[in-house]
Protein backbone atom coordinates (compact mmCIF):
# COMPACT_ATOMS: atom_id res chain seq x y z
CA UNK A 1 86.33 105.50 93.16
CA UNK A 2 89.50 106.19 95.13
CA UNK A 3 92.55 107.05 93.07
CA UNK A 4 95.12 104.67 94.55
CA UNK A 5 97.96 106.16 92.54
CA UNK A 6 97.73 109.38 94.52
CA UNK A 7 98.60 107.59 97.78
CA UNK A 8 102.22 107.34 98.92
CA UNK A 9 103.95 104.00 98.24
CA UNK A 10 103.82 103.01 101.91
CA UNK A 11 100.04 103.41 101.97
CA UNK A 12 99.70 101.51 98.70
CA UNK A 13 101.73 98.64 100.15
CA UNK A 14 99.66 98.62 103.33
CA UNK A 15 96.43 98.57 101.31
CA UNK A 16 97.72 95.66 99.26
CA UNK A 17 98.60 93.70 102.40
CA UNK A 18 95.17 94.38 103.90
CA UNK A 19 93.41 93.33 100.69
CA UNK A 20 95.40 90.09 100.51
CA UNK A 21 94.69 89.32 104.18
CA UNK A 22 90.96 89.96 103.75
CA UNK A 23 90.92 87.71 100.70
CA UNK A 24 92.78 84.97 102.57
CA UNK A 25 90.37 85.11 105.52
CA UNK A 26 87.40 85.00 103.15
CA UNK A 27 88.76 82.00 101.29
CA UNK A 28 89.63 80.24 104.56
CA UNK A 29 86.12 80.76 105.92
CA UNK A 30 84.48 79.86 102.62
CA UNK A 31 86.40 76.65 102.12
CA UNK A 32 85.88 75.75 105.78
CA UNK A 33 82.12 76.14 105.43
CA UNK A 34 82.14 74.22 102.16
CA UNK A 35 84.14 71.40 103.73
CA UNK A 36 81.77 71.28 106.70
CA UNK A 37 78.75 70.98 104.38
CA UNK A 38 80.16 68.62 101.74
CA UNK A 39 82.89 66.81 103.67
CA UNK A 40 80.84 64.02 105.26
CA UNK A 41 79.14 63.02 101.98
CA UNK A 42 82.47 63.01 100.13
CA UNK A 43 84.13 60.90 102.83
CA UNK A 44 81.20 58.47 102.77
CA UNK A 45 81.40 58.20 98.98
CA UNK A 46 85.15 57.55 99.04
CA UNK A 47 84.80 54.92 101.78
CA UNK A 48 82.10 53.06 99.82
CA UNK A 49 84.14 52.86 96.60
């Protein structure tokens, strides 16, 4: 495992930003796919209530 503490603060900050961006893209894609799969059935259920 990489010892993050040994990196300079600037590199640590950059790594944190990259990790957050990768997580955001993953969540965006995941929720988009989930909405595409489940969205029509949920909309249909709500309209029929």
